[in-house]
Amino acid sequence: MMRERLEALKTEALEKIEVASDMKSLQDVRVSYLGKKGPITEVLRGMGKLSAEERPKVGQLANEVRDEIKAHVEAKEAKLEQEAVEKQLAEESIDVTLPGRPTQVGTSHPLTDVVEELEDIFTGLGFSVAEGPEVEVDYYNFEALNLPKDHPARDMQDSFYFTEELLLRTHTSPVQARTMEQHEGKGPVKVICPGKVFRRDDDDATHSHQFMQIEGLYVDEKVRMSDLKGVLESFAKSFFGEDRSIRLRPSFFPFTEPSVEVDVSCGICNGEGCRICKQSGWIEVLGSGMVHPRVLEMSGFDPAKYSGFAFGMGVERLAMLKYDIDDIRHFYTNDVRFLKQFTRA
């Protein structure tokens, strides 16, 4: 009796599998016949009433029926999946003659390119790269650079203060002070310090409340002004072109003595005089000078034994001069039309 029941269940299940038209109906058949509450399980539960001779035979047949139904379900499942793929391909055919969609390729920012170029130039001259915090304490930003709290030159750098002793750095010179302090009065110190700086300034074509600087420092025994001029001349020729020259003009900075402004010959008019150089033939690019003995002393160096030079330049100004950019705000407005001009080949 149980054998006939199992054979009937198999025939019934295979017929339903054959007519199943989608995955849902196929899964319903699977659960209906192979599930824990299905008829095959029910038959197996009644095997206890069979004789010891009949029991293994019916058990074997039940397993064979179950395996056959399962195999047919899996075969039909694969068939339905294949039909679904073929249907999707037919409905979503691709026209290979259509033009492709161009991929927008990103590139580094022009200021990043300039910083990396400057780093290459100065590391080639033996400098290493040093970095420091953008949120700085008053001591390193001013006092360690010969700018005590009552010094009038502080007014030239209107600052963003968090507290009386904490501010956004107004230049990267604090990195120089920190680096000298770390050397504990022993030279040589030869670093450049690139990074962002912040000043309370009204944004216009040539000014920004946030901009980038690269400052350089070299402290050792018998460092001279002629060493400074040689380094800056090498920089100018590498960055602007071999045909360019520099000149030094006396100036004043609290942390250097003597101090000089550095001009580079105008590449537009070759020194003849034009609108860019205001008819002078020269363009101011940076400030520099010999490190003030007081700065050396505050950082732990003996000014009787050590001397040094320092220089500082604005990255945006150099980029504007090199690429003939007329407005510093272009660097920060994220205009893709502007940035695309600097896409690397």
C-alpha atoms as a PDB file:
ATOM      1  CA  MET A   1       0.000   0.000   0.000  1.00  0.00           C
ATOM      2  CA  MET A   2       2.793   2.471   0.892  1.00  0.00           C
ATOM      3  CA  ARG A   3       4.686   1.599  -2.284  1.00  0.00           C
ATOM      4  CA  GLU A   4       1.697   2.497  -4.417  1.00  0.00           C
ATOM      5  CA  ARG A   5       1.268   5.722  -2.437  1.00  0.00           C
ATOM      6  CA  LEU A   6       4.917   6.726  -3.027  1.00  0.00           C
ATOM      7  CA  GLU A   7       4.734   5.959  -6.757  1.00  0.00           C
ATOM      8  CA  ALA A   8       1.554   8.053  -7.038  1.00  0.00           C
ATOM      9  CA  LEU A   9       3.213  10.968  -5.198  1.00  0.00           C
ATOM     10  CA  LYS A  10       6.190  10.818  -7.532  1.00  0.00           C
ATOM     11  CA  THR A  11       4.040  10.892 -10.658  1.00  0.00           C
ATOM     12  CA  GLU A  12       1.942  13.722  -9.242  1.00  0.00           C
ATOM     13  CA  ALA A  13       4.990  15.780  -8.262  1.00  0.00           C
ATOM     14  CA  LEU A  14       6.759  15.327 -11.594  1.00  0.00           C
ATOM     15  CA  GLU A  15       3.635  16.476 -13.452  1.00  0.00           C
ATOM     16  CA  LYS A  16       3.434  19.643 -11.329  1.00  0.00           C
ATOM     17  CA  ILE A  17       7.158  20.307 -11.825  1.00  0.00           C
ATOM     18  CA  GLU A  18       6.729  19.993 -15.562  1.00  0.00           C
ATOM     19  CA  VAL A  19       3.925  22.580 -15.728  1.00  0.00           C
ATOM     20  CA  ALA A  20       5.557  25.051 -13.287  1.00  0.00           C
ATOM     21  CA  SER A  21       6.080  28.294 -15.219  1.00  0.00           C
ATOM     22  CA  ASP A  22       8.019  30.383 -12.720  1.00  0.00           C
ATOM     23  CA  MET A  23      10.284  30.113  -9.714  1.00  0.00           C
ATOM     24  CA  LYS A  24       7.490  30.720  -7.209  1.00  0.00           C
ATOM     25  CA  SER A  25       5.291  27.879  -8.393  1.00  0.00           C
ATOM     26  CA  LEU A  26       8.341  25.604  -8.597  1.00  0.00           C
ATOM     27  CA  GLN A  27       9.292  26.394  -4.999  1.00  0.00           C
ATOM     28  CA  ASP A  28       5.704  25.708  -3.933  1.00  0.00           C
ATOM     29  CA  VAL A  29       5.990  22.198  -5.431  1.00  0.00           C
ATOM     30  CA  ARG A  30       9.313  21.630  -3.665  1.00  0.00           C
ATOM     31  CA  VAL A  31       7.917  22.637  -0.271  1.00  0.00           C
ATOM     32  CA  SER A  32       4.665  20.758  -0.839  1.00  0.00           C
ATOM     33  CA  TYR A  33       6.313  17.407  -1.536  1.00  0.00           C
ATOM     34  CA  LEU A  34       9.726  17.585   0.108  1.00  0.00           C
ATOM     35  CA  GLY A  35       8.943  19.717   3.149  1.00  0.00           C
ATOM     36  CA  LYS A  36       8.711  18.419   6.722  1.00  0.00           C
ATOM     37  CA  LYS A  37       4.902  18.444   6.531  1.00  0.00           C
ATOM     38  CA  GLY A  38       4.778  16.939   3.030  1.00  0.00           C
ATOM     39  CA  PRO A  39       3.151  13.584   2.065  1.00  0.00           C
ATOM     40  CA  ILE A  40       6.471  11.751   1.674  1.00  0.00           C
ATOM     41  CA  THR A  41       7.414  12.599   5.268  1.00  0.00           C
ATOM     42  CA  GLU A  42       3.953  11.450   6.313  1.00  0.00           C
ATOM     43  CA  VAL A  43       4.486   8.086   4.622  1.00  0.00           C
ATOM     44  CA  LEU A  44       7.823   7.652   6.363  1.00  0.00           C
ATOM     45  CA  ARG A  45       6.220   8.311   9.739  1.00  0.00           C
ATOM     46  CA  GLY A  46       3.853   5.387   9.151  1.00  0.00           C
ATOM     47  CA  MET A  47       6.659   2.895   8.512  1.00  0.00           C
ATOM     48  CA  GLY A  48       6.503   1.759  12.117  1.00  0.00           C
ATOM     49  CA  LYS A  49       3.395  -0.280  11.259  1.00  0.00           C
ATOM     50  CA  LEU A  50       5.263  -2.269   8.586  1.00  0.00           C
ATOM     51  CA  SER A  51       6.913  -5.604   9.099  1.00  0.00           C
ATOM     52  CA  ALA A  52      10.648  -5.806   9.627  1.00  0.00           C
ATOM     53  CA  GLU A  53      10.973  -7.237   6.127  1.00  0.00           C
ATOM     54  CA  GLU A  54       8.973  -4.490   4.374  1.00  0.00           C
ATOM     55  CA  ARG A  55      10.396  -1.534   6.305  1.00  0.00           C
ATOM     56  CA  PRO A  56      13.834  -1.232   4.542  1.00  0.00           C
ATOM     57  CA  LYS A  57      12.312  -1.705   1.115  1.00  0.00           C
ATOM     58  CA  VAL A  58       9.760   1.075   1.616  1.00  0.00           C
ATOM     59  CA  GLY A  59      12.438   3.317   3.168  1.00  0.00           C
ATOM     60  CA  GLN A  60      14.700   2.827   0.154  1.00  0.00           C
ATOM     61  CA  LEU A  61      11.846   3.580  -2.246  1.00  0.00           C
ATOM     62  CA  ALA A  62      10.929   6.729  -0.283  1.00  0.00           C
ATOM     63  CA  ASN A  63      14.510   8.004  -0.562  1.00  0.00           C
ATOM     64  CA  GLU A  64      14.571   7.229  -4.292  1.00  0.00           C
ATOM     65  CA  VAL A  65      11.291   9.110  -4.825  1.00  0.00           C
ATOM     66  CA  ARG A  66      12.535  12.053  -2.798  1.00  0.00           C
ATOM     67  CA  ASP A  67      15.851  12.192  -4.715  1.00  0.00           C
ATOM     68  CA  GLU A  68      14.092  11.977  -8.081  1.00  0.00           C
ATOM     69  CA  ILE A  69      11.668  14.780  -7.228  1.00  0.00           C
ATOM     70  CA  LYS A  70      14.568  16.889  -5.962  1.00  0.00           C
ATOM     71  CA  ALA A  71      16.589  16.274  -9.146  1.00  0.00           C
ATOM     72  CA  HIS A  72      13.641  17.270 -11.339  1.00  0.00           C
ATOM     73  CA  VAL A  73      13.097  20.426  -9.292  1.00  0.00           C
ATOM     74  CA  GLU A  74      16.772  21.446  -9.707  1.00  0.00           C
ATOM     75  CA  ALA A  75      16.693  20.699 -13.440  1.00  0.00           C
ATOM     76  CA  LYS A  76      13.539  22.761 -13.897  1.00  0.00           C
ATOM     77  CA  GLU A  77      15.043  25.539 -11.783  1.00  0.00           C
ATOM     78  CA  ALA A  78      18.104  25.714 -14.056  1.00  0.00           C
ATOM     79  CA  LYS A  79      15.826  25.727 -17.102  1.00  0.00           C
ATOM     80  CA  LEU A  80      13.726  28.607 -15.739  1.00  0.00           C
ATOM     81  CA  GLU A  81      16.874  30.603 -14.899  1.00  0.00           C
ATOM     82  CA  GLN A  82      18.214  30.119 -18.418  1.00  0.00           C
ATOM     83  CA  GLU A  83      14.887  31.174 -19.918  1.00  0.00           C
ATOM     84  CA  ALA A  84      14.886  34.295 -17.724  1.00  0.00           C
ATOM     85  CA  VAL A  85      18.399  35.231 -18.904  1.00  0.00           C
ATOM     86  CA  GLU A  86      17.466  34.706 -22.555  1.00  0.00           C
ATOM     87  CA  LYS A  87      14.335  36.792 -22.112  1.00  0.00           C
ATOM     88  CA  GLN A  88      16.302  39.602 -20.491  1.00  0.00           C
ATOM     89  CA  LEU A  89      18.903  39.556 -23.255  1.00  0.00           C
ATOM     90  CA  ALA A  90      16.153  39.732 -25.868  1.00  0.00           C
ATOM     91  CA  GLU A  91      14.419  42.630 -24.135  1.00  0.00           C
ATOM     92  CA  GLU A  92      17.621  44.526 -23.259  1.00  0.00           C
ATOM     93  CA  SER A  93      19.632  44.123 -26.419  1.00  0.00           C
ATOM     94  CA  ILE A  94      22.626  46.461 -26.700  1.00  0.00           C
ATOM     95  CA  ASP A  95      23.283  48.548 -29.778  1.00  0.00           C
ATOM     96  CA  VAL A  96      27.056  48.231 -30.097  1.00  0.00           C
ATOM     97  CA  THR A  97      27.105  50.981 -32.730  1.00  0.00           C
ATOM     98  CA  LEU A  98      26.178  53.660 -30.159  1.00  0.00           C
ATOM     99  CA  PRO A  99      29.056  55.917 -29.064  1.00  0.00           C
ATOM    100  CA  GLY A 100      30.541  55.180 -25.648  1.00  0.00           C
ATOM    101  CA  ARG A 101      30.134  57.402 -22.626  1.00  0.00           C
ATOM    102  CA  PRO A 102      33.378  59.272 -21.938  1.00  0.00           C
ATOM    103  CA  THR A 103      34.935  58.732 -18.504  1.00  0.00           C
ATOM    104  CA  GLN A 104      36.000  61.859 -16.663  1.00  0.00           C
ATOM    105  CA  VAL A 105      39.577  61.380 -15.511  1.00  0.00           C
ATOM    106  CA  GLY A 106      40.654  63.362 -12.459  1.00  0.00           C
ATOM    107  CA  THR A 107      43.993  65.064 -11.996  1.00  0.00           C
ATOM    108  CA  SER A 108      45.943  66.757  -9.247  1.00  0.00           C
ATOM    109  CA  HIS A 109      45.187  70.386  -8.364  1.00  0.00           C
ATOM    110  CA  PRO A 110      47.533  73.003  -9.888  1.00  0.00           C
ATOM    111  CA  LEU A 111      48.651  74.075  -6.404  1.00  0.00           C
ATOM    112  CA  THR A 112      49.536  70.466  -5.615  1.00  0.00           C
ATOM    113  CA  ASP A 113      51.570  70.321  -8.815  1.00  0.00           C
ATOM    114  CA  VAL A 114      53.446  73.503  -7.875  1.00  0.00           C
ATOM    115  CA  VAL A 115      54.158  72.292  -4.329  1.00  0.00           C
ATOM    116  CA  GLU A 116      55.479  68.970  -5.647  1.00  0.00           C
ATOM    117  CA  GLU A 117      57.656  70.783  -8.196  1.00  0.00           C
ATOM    118  CA  LEU A 118      59.075  73.060  -5.490  1.00  0.00           C
ATOM    119  CA  GLU A 119      59.729  70.094  -3.216  1.00  0.00           C
ATOM    120  CA  ASP A 120      61.613  68.373  -6.047  1.00  0.00           C
ATOM    121  CA  ILE A 121      63.723  71.494  -6.622  1.00  0.00           C
ATOM    122  CA  PHE A 122      64.685  72.007  -2.984  1.00  0.00           C
ATOM    123  CA  THR A 123      65.174  68.349  -2.077  1.00  0.00           C
ATOM    124  CA  GLY A 124      67.548  68.289  -5.044  1.00  0.00           C
ATOM    125  CA  LEU A 125      69.483  71.040  -3.241  1.00  0.00           C
ATOM    126  CA  GLY A 126      69.740  68.965  -0.072  1.00  0.00           C
ATOM    127  CA  PHE A 127      66.662  70.185   1.812  1.00  0.00           C
ATOM    128  CA  SER A 128      64.247  67.835   3.553  1.00  0.00           C
ATOM    129  CA  VAL A 129      60.495  68.434   3.979  1.00  0.00           C
ATOM    130  CA  ALA A 130      59.127  69.270   7.450  1.00  0.00           C
ATOM    131  CA  GLU A 131      55.522  69.733   8.541  1.00  0.00           C
ATOM    132  CA  GLY A 132      53.775  71.134  11.606  1.00  0.00           C
ATOM    133  CA  PRO A 133      50.302  71.842  13.043  1.00  0.00           C
ATOM    134  CA  GLU A 134      47.949  74.344  11.400  1.00  0.00           C
ATOM    135  CA  VAL A 135      46.492  75.208  14.811  1.00  0.00           C
ATOM    136  CA  GLU A 136      49.480  76.757  16.551  1.00  0.00           C
ATOM    137  CA  VAL A 137      50.369  78.261  19.913  1.00  0.00           C
ATOM    138  CA  ASP A 138      51.284  81.936  20.116  1.00  0.00           C
ATOM    139  CA  TYR A 139      54.832  81.167  21.227  1.00  0.00           C
ATOM    140  CA  TYR A 140      55.872  79.324  18.070  1.00  0.00           C
ATOM    141  CA  ASN A 141      53.838  81.501  15.710  1.00  0.00           C
ATOM    142  CA  PHE A 142      55.233  84.792  17.071  1.00  0.00           C
ATOM    143  CA  GLU A 143      57.451  84.864  20.144  1.00  0.00           C
ATOM    144  CA  ALA A 144      59.993  82.242  19.012  1.00  0.00           C
ATOM    145  CA  LEU A 145      60.339  84.267  15.793  1.00  0.00           C
ATOM    146  CA  ASN A 146      61.303  87.487  17.591  1.00  0.00           C
ATOM    147  CA  LEU A 147      57.758  88.814  17.667  1.00  0.00           C
ATOM    148  CA  PRO A 148      56.889  89.443  21.358  1.00  0.00           C
ATOM    149  CA  LYS A 149      53.304  90.220  22.315  1.00  0.00           C
ATOM    150  CA  ASP A 150      53.730  93.995  22.033  1.00  0.00           C
ATOM    151  CA  HIS A 151      55.614  93.912  18.700  1.00  0.00           C
ATOM    152  CA  PRO A 152      54.015  96.214  16.083  1.00  0.00           C
ATOM    153  CA  ALA A 153      54.766  93.739  13.254  1.00  0.00           C
ATOM    154  CA  ARG A 154      52.014  91.481  14.639  1.00  0.00           C
ATOM    155  CA  ASP A 155      49.526  93.952  13.198  1.00  0.00           C
ATOM    156  CA  MET A 156      50.746  92.999   9.704  1.00  0.00           C
ATOM    157  CA  GLN A 157      49.356  89.486  10.274  1.00  0.00           C
ATOM    158  CA  ASP A 158      45.791  89.889  11.526  1.00  0.00           C
ATOM    159  CA  SER A 159      45.143  86.451  12.947  1.00  0.00           C
ATOM    160  CA  PHE A 160      42.343  83.972  13.676  1.00  0.00           C
ATOM    161  CA  TYR A 161      42.545  83.367  17.446  1.00  0.00           C
ATOM    162  CA  PHE A 162      40.764  80.601  19.369  1.00  0.00           C
ATOM    163  CA  THR A 163      42.117  81.796  22.713  1.00  0.00           C
ATOM    164  CA  GLU A 164      44.811  84.294  23.705  1.00  0.00           C
ATOM    165  CA  GLU A 165      47.430  81.562  23.248  1.00  0.00           C
ATOM    166  CA  LEU A 166      45.948  79.457  20.411  1.00  0.00           C
ATOM    167  CA  LEU A 167      45.441  80.503  16.794  1.00  0.00           C
ATOM    168  CA  LEU A 168      45.494  79.389  13.163  1.00  0.00           C
ATOM    169  CA  ARG A 169      49.086  79.816  12.049  1.00  0.00           C
ATOM    170  CA  THR A 170      49.737  82.922   9.943  1.00  0.00           C
ATOM    171  CA  HIS A 171      52.837  81.506   8.244  1.00  0.00           C
ATOM    172  CA  THR A 172      54.783  78.235   8.163  1.00  0.00           C
ATOM    173  CA  SER A 173      57.696  79.757  10.106  1.00  0.00           C
ATOM    174  CA  PRO A 174      56.545  78.013  13.318  1.00  0.00           C
ATOM    175  CA  VAL A 175      57.613  74.754  11.683  1.00  0.00           C
ATOM    176  CA  GLN A 176      61.125  76.197  11.374  1.00  0.00           C
ATOM    177  CA  ALA A 177      61.153  77.134  15.064  1.00  0.00           C
ATOM    178  CA  ARG A 178      59.913  73.699  16.092  1.00  0.00           C
ATOM    179  CA  THR A 179      62.470  71.974  13.844  1.00  0.00           C
ATOM    180  CA  MET A 180      65.382  74.007  15.240  1.00  0.00           C
ATOM    181  CA  GLU A 181      64.211  73.263  18.770  1.00  0.00           C
ATOM    182  CA  GLN A 182      64.157  69.524  18.004  1.00  0.00           C
ATOM    183  CA  HIS A 183      67.833  69.704  16.920  1.00  0.00           C
ATOM    184  CA  GLU A 184      68.751  70.888  20.430  1.00  0.00           C
ATOM    185  CA  GLY A 185      71.307  73.442  19.265  1.00  0.00           C
ATOM    186  CA  LYS A 186      73.162  71.125  16.893  1.00  0.00           C
ATOM    187  CA  GLY A 187      73.353  71.776  13.151  1.00  0.00           C
ATOM    188  CA  PRO A 188      72.955  71.416  10.345  1.00  0.00           C
ATOM    189  CA  VAL A 189      69.231  72.133   9.883  1.00  0.00           C
ATOM    190  CA  LYS A 190      68.126  72.245   6.262  1.00  0.00           C
ATOM    191  CA  VAL A 191      64.373  72.041   5.672  1.00  0.00           C
ATOM    192  CA  ILE A 192      61.499  73.427   3.642  1.00  0.00           C
ATOM    193  CA  CYS A 193      58.066  73.748   5.225  1.00  0.00           C
ATOM    194  CA  PRO A 194      55.054  73.669   2.880  1.00  0.00           C
ATOM    195  CA  GLY A 195      51.510  74.112   4.157  1.00  0.00           C
ATOM    196  CA  LYS A 196      48.342  76.151   4.549  1.00  0.00           C
ATOM    197  CA  VAL A 197      48.309  79.426   6.464  1.00  0.00           C
ATOM    198  CA  PHE A 198      45.455  81.680   7.554  1.00  0.00           C
ATOM    199  CA  ARG A 199      45.004  85.443   7.951  1.00  0.00           C
ATOM    200  CA  ARG A 200      42.021  87.707   8.483  1.00  0.00           C
ATOM    201  CA  ASP A 201      42.051  89.220   5.034  1.00  0.00           C
ATOM    202  CA  ASP A 202      39.373  90.265   2.554  1.00  0.00           C
ATOM    203  CA  ASP A 203      39.311  87.941  -0.449  1.00  0.00           C
ATOM    204  CA  ASP A 204      39.965  89.596  -3.791  1.00  0.00           C
ATOM    205  CA  ALA A 205      41.954  88.894  -6.945  1.00  0.00           C
ATOM    206  CA  THR A 206      45.293  88.848  -5.104  1.00  0.00           C
ATOM    207  CA  HIS A 207      44.362  88.097  -1.465  1.00  0.00           C
ATOM    208  CA  SER A 208      42.791  85.163   0.349  1.00  0.00           C
ATOM    209  CA  HIS A 209      42.070  84.401   4.001  1.00  0.00           C
ATOM    210  CA  GLN A 210      43.620  80.964   3.380  1.00  0.00           C
ATOM    211  CA  PHE A 211      46.622  80.345   1.168  1.00  0.00           C
ATOM    212  CA  MET A 212      49.744  78.202   0.949  1.00  0.00           C
ATOM    213  CA  GLN A 213      53.348  78.960   1.769  1.00  0.00           C
ATOM    214  CA  ILE A 214      56.667  77.223   1.424  1.00  0.00           C
ATOM    215  CA  GLU A 215      59.385  78.416   3.744  1.00  0.00           C
ATOM    216  CA  GLY A 216      62.990  77.310   3.806  1.00  0.00           C
ATOM    217  CA  LEU A 217      65.620  77.257   6.541  1.00  0.00           C
ATOM    218  CA  TYR A 218      69.314  76.440   6.562  1.00  0.00           C
ATOM    219  CA  VAL A 219      71.295  76.690   9.813  1.00  0.00           C
ATOM    220  CA  ASP A 220      74.895  75.577  10.126  1.00  0.00           C
ATOM    221  CA  GLU A 221      78.342  76.927  10.828  1.00  0.00           C
ATOM    222  CA  LYS A 222      79.531  79.693   8.461  1.00  0.00           C
ATOM    223  CA  VAL A 223      76.301  80.058   6.463  1.00  0.00           C
ATOM    224  CA  ARG A 224      76.472  83.299   4.460  1.00  0.00           C
ATOM    225  CA  MET A 225      74.212  85.602   2.471  1.00  0.00           C
ATOM    226  CA  SER A 226      75.938  84.392  -0.690  1.00  0.00           C
ATOM    227  CA  ASP A 227      74.668  80.858   0.110  1.00  0.00           C
ATOM    228  CA  LEU A 228      71.136  82.237   0.267  1.00  0.00           C
ATOM    229  CA  LYS A 229      71.518  83.979  -3.065  1.00  0.00           C
ATOM    230  CA  GLY A 230      72.909  80.844  -4.690  1.00  0.00           C
ATOM    231  CA  VAL A 231      70.003  78.686  -3.488  1.00  0.00           C
ATOM    232  CA  LEU A 232      67.369  81.224  -4.595  1.00  0.00           C
ATOM    233  CA  GLU A 233      69.021  81.732  -7.970  1.00  0.00           C
ATOM    234  CA  SER A 234      69.014  77.982  -8.541  1.00  0.00           C
ATOM    235  CA  PHE A 235      65.348  77.861  -7.536  1.00  0.00           C
ATOM    236  CA  ALA A 236      64.371  80.699  -9.906  1.00  0.00           C
ATOM    237  CA  LYS A 237      66.105  79.136 -12.904  1.00  0.00           C
ATOM    238  CA  SER A 238      64.619  75.695 -12.185  1.00  0.00           C
ATOM    239  CA  PHE A 239      61.081  76.974 -11.613  1.00  0.00           C
ATOM    240  CA  PHE A 240      60.765  79.897 -14.054  1.00  0.00           C
ATOM    241  CA  GLY A 241      63.406  79.044 -16.671  1.00  0.00           C
ATOM    242  CA  GLU A 242      67.155  79.093 -17.179  1.00  0.00           C
ATOM    243  CA  ASP A 243      67.030  82.565 -18.756  1.00  0.00           C
ATOM    244  CA  ARG A 244      65.641  84.174 -15.574  1.00  0.00           C
ATOM    245  CA  SER A 245      67.731  86.042 -12.998  1.00  0.00           C
ATOM    246  CA  ILE A 246      67.095  87.430  -9.517  1.00  0.00           C
ATOM    247  CA  ARG A 247      67.906  90.557  -7.568  1.00  0.00           C
ATOM    248  CA  LEU A 248      67.891  91.234  -3.832  1.00  0.00           C
ATOM    249  CA  ARG A 249      66.437  94.415  -2.316  1.00  0.00           C
ATOM    250  CA  PRO A 250      66.873  95.495   1.328  1.00  0.00           C
ATOM    251  CA  SER A 251      63.776  94.961   3.458  1.00  0.00           C
ATOM    252  CA  PHE A 252      62.717  94.261   7.054  1.00  0.00           C
ATOM    253  CA  PHE A 253      61.391  91.129   8.735  1.00  0.00           C
ATOM    254  CA  PRO A 254      61.517  90.654  12.515  1.00  0.00           C
ATOM    255  CA  PHE A 255      62.953  87.126  12.253  1.00  0.00           C
ATOM    256  CA  THR A 256      65.804  87.874   9.810  1.00  0.00           C
ATOM    257  CA  GLU A 257      68.656  90.374   9.874  1.00  0.00           C
ATOM    258  CA  PRO A 258      69.625  91.532   7.327  1.00  0.00           C
ATOM    259  CA  SER A 259      66.404  90.983   5.354  1.00  0.00           C
ATOM    260  CA  VAL A 260      65.831  91.154   1.608  1.00  0.00           C
ATOM    261  CA  GLU A 261      62.966  91.008  -0.881  1.00  0.00           C
ATOM    262  CA  VAL A 262      63.736  88.833  -3.897  1.00  0.00           C
ATOM    263  CA  ASP A 263      62.643  89.764  -7.414  1.00  0.00           C
ATOM    264  CA  VAL A 264      62.829  87.616 -10.534  1.00  0.00           C
ATOM    265  CA  SER A 265      63.253  89.082 -14.001  1.00  0.00           C
ATOM    266  CA  CYS A 266      59.997  89.348 -15.927  1.00  0.00           C
ATOM    267  CA  GLY A 267      59.553  86.509 -18.391  1.00  0.00           C
ATOM    268  CA  ILE A 268      56.951  88.378 -20.427  1.00  0.00           C
ATOM    269  CA  CYS A 269      59.089  91.329 -21.454  1.00  0.00           C
ATOM    270  CA  ASN A 270      62.552  89.896 -20.645  1.00  0.00           C
ATOM    271  CA  GLY A 271      63.285  92.876 -18.412  1.00  0.00           C
ATOM    272  CA  GLU A 272      62.172  95.530 -20.920  1.00  0.00           C
ATOM    273  CA  GLY A 273      59.153  96.614 -18.888  1.00  0.00           C
ATOM    274  CA  CYS A 274      55.490  95.683 -19.354  1.00  0.00           C
ATOM    275  CA  ARG A 275      52.095  95.722 -17.654  1.00  0.00           C
ATOM    276  CA  ILE A 276      52.826  92.532 -15.684  1.00  0.00           C
ATOM    277  CA  CYS A 277      56.011  93.881 -14.072  1.00  0.00           C
ATOM    278  CA  LYS A 278      54.655  97.457 -13.891  1.00  0.00           C
ATOM    279  CA  GLN A 279      57.323  98.623 -16.357  1.00  0.00           C
ATOM    280  CA  SER A 280      60.132  97.704 -13.939  1.00  0.00           C
ATOM    281  CA  GLY A 281      61.368  94.525 -15.612  1.00  0.00           C
ATOM    282  CA  TRP A 282      61.215  92.724 -12.240  1.00  0.00           C
ATOM    283  CA  ILE A 283      58.541  90.822 -10.276  1.00  0.00           C
ATOM    284  CA  GLU A 284      58.647  90.345  -6.519  1.00  0.00           C
ATOM    285  CA  VAL A 285      58.405  86.642  -5.580  1.00  0.00           C
ATOM    286  CA  LEU A 286      59.532  86.119  -1.973  1.00  0.00           C
ATOM    287  CA  GLY A 287      61.077  87.464   1.210  1.00  0.00           C
ATOM    288  CA  SER A 288      64.239  86.165   2.845  1.00  0.00           C
ATOM    289  CA  GLY A 289      67.257  87.008   4.964  1.00  0.00           C
ATOM    290  CA  MET A 290      69.772  85.781   7.497  1.00  0.00           C
ATOM    291  CA  VAL A 291      68.175  84.216  10.585  1.00  0.00           C
ATOM    292  CA  HIS A 292      68.071  86.752  13.425  1.00  0.00           C
ATOM    293  CA  PRO A 293      70.525  85.874  16.243  1.00  0.00           C
ATOM    294  CA  ARG A 294      67.671  86.185  18.746  1.00  0.00           C
ATOM    295  CA  VAL A 295      65.662  83.511  16.841  1.00  0.00           C
ATOM    296  CA  LEU A 296      68.672  81.188  16.861  1.00  0.00           C
ATOM    297  CA  GLU A 297      69.170  81.750  20.562  1.00  0.00           C
ATOM    298  CA  MET A 298      65.520  81.100  21.464  1.00  0.00           C
ATOM    299  CA  SER A 299      65.656  77.805  19.565  1.00  0.00           C
ATOM    300  CA  GLY A 300      68.739  76.637  21.429  1.00  0.00           C
ATOM    301  CA  PHE A 301      71.485  77.556  18.923  1.00  0.00           C
ATOM    302  CA  ASP A 302      74.570  79.553  19.801  1.00  0.00           C
ATOM    303  CA  PRO A 303      74.534  82.585  17.442  1.00  0.00           C
ATOM    304  CA  ALA A 304      78.284  82.963  17.945  1.00  0.00           C
ATOM    305  CA  LYS A 305      78.814  79.555  16.385  1.00  0.00           C
ATOM    306  CA  TYR A 306      75.845  79.105  14.048  1.00  0.00           C
ATOM    307  CA  SER A 307      74.292  81.269  11.370  1.00  0.00           C
ATOM    308  CA  GLY A 308      71.586  80.598   8.836  1.00  0.00           C
ATOM    309  CA  PHE A 309      69.200  81.904   6.239  1.00  0.00           C
ATOM    310  CA  ALA A 310      65.453  81.636   5.784  1.00  0.00           C
ATOM    311  CA  PHE A 311      63.050  82.396   2.964  1.00  0.00           C
ATOM    312  CA  GLY A 312      59.310  82.246   2.420  1.00  0.00           C
ATOM    313  CA  MET A 313      57.162  82.258  -0.702  1.00  0.00           C
ATOM    314  CA  GLY A 314      53.450  82.073  -1.494  1.00  0.00           C
ATOM    315  CA  VAL A 315      52.541  79.044  -3.590  1.00  0.00           C
ATOM    316  CA  GLU A 316      49.543  80.758  -5.198  1.00  0.00           C
ATOM    317  CA  ARG A 317      51.662  83.747  -6.238  1.00  0.00           C
ATOM    318  CA  LEU A 318      54.239  81.491  -7.860  1.00  0.00           C
ATOM    319  CA  ALA A 319      51.513  79.531  -9.653  1.00  0.00           C
ATOM    320  CA  MET A 320      49.867  82.752 -10.861  1.00  0.00           C
ATOM    321  CA  LEU A 321      53.180  84.015 -12.238  1.00  0.00           C
ATOM    322  CA  LYS A 322      54.110  80.725 -13.864  1.00  0.00           C
ATOM    323  CA  TYR A 323      50.721  80.052 -15.498  1.00  0.00           C
ATOM    324  CA  ASP A 324      49.633  83.695 -16.036  1.00  0.00           C
ATOM    325  CA  ILE A 325      46.567  83.404 -13.755  1.00  0.00           C
ATOM    326  CA  ASP A 326      44.946  86.728 -12.937  1.00  0.00           C
ATOM    327  CA  ASP A 327      42.782  85.842  -9.910  1.00  0.00           C
ATOM    328  CA  ILE A 328      43.773  83.819  -6.829  1.00  0.00           C
ATOM    329  CA  ARG A 329      40.142  82.829  -6.265  1.00  0.00           C
ATOM    330  CA  HIS A 330      40.283  80.502  -9.277  1.00  0.00           C
ATOM    331  CA  PHE A 331      42.292  78.069  -7.140  1.00  0.00           C
ATOM    332  CA  TYR A 332      39.464  77.641  -4.614  1.00  0.00           C
ATOM    333  CA  THR A 333      36.179  77.881  -6.546  1.00  0.00           C
ATOM    334  CA  ASN A 334      36.412  74.353  -8.034  1.00  0.00           C
ATOM    335  CA  ASP A 335      35.494  75.528 -11.528  1.00  0.00           C
ATOM    336  CA  VAL A 336      36.083  72.460 -13.719  1.00  0.00           C
ATOM    337  CA  ARG A 337      36.777  74.669 -16.750  1.00  0.00           C
ATOM    338  CA  PHE A 338      39.729  76.182 -14.905  1.00  0.00           C
ATOM    339  CA  LEU A 339      41.024  72.910 -13.458  1.00  0.00           C
ATOM    340  CA  LYS A 340      40.859  71.086 -16.809  1.00  0.00           C
ATOM    341  CA  GLN A 341      43.567  73.398 -18.159  1.00  0.00           C
ATOM    342  CA  PHE A 342      46.037  71.670 -15.848  1.00  0.00           C
ATOM    343  CA  THR A 343      45.180  68.075 -16.765  1.00  0.00           C
ATOM    344  CA  ARG A 344      48.331  66.052 -17.087  1.00  0.00           C
ATOM    345  CA  ALA A 345      48.906  64.298 -20.402  1.00  0.00           C
END
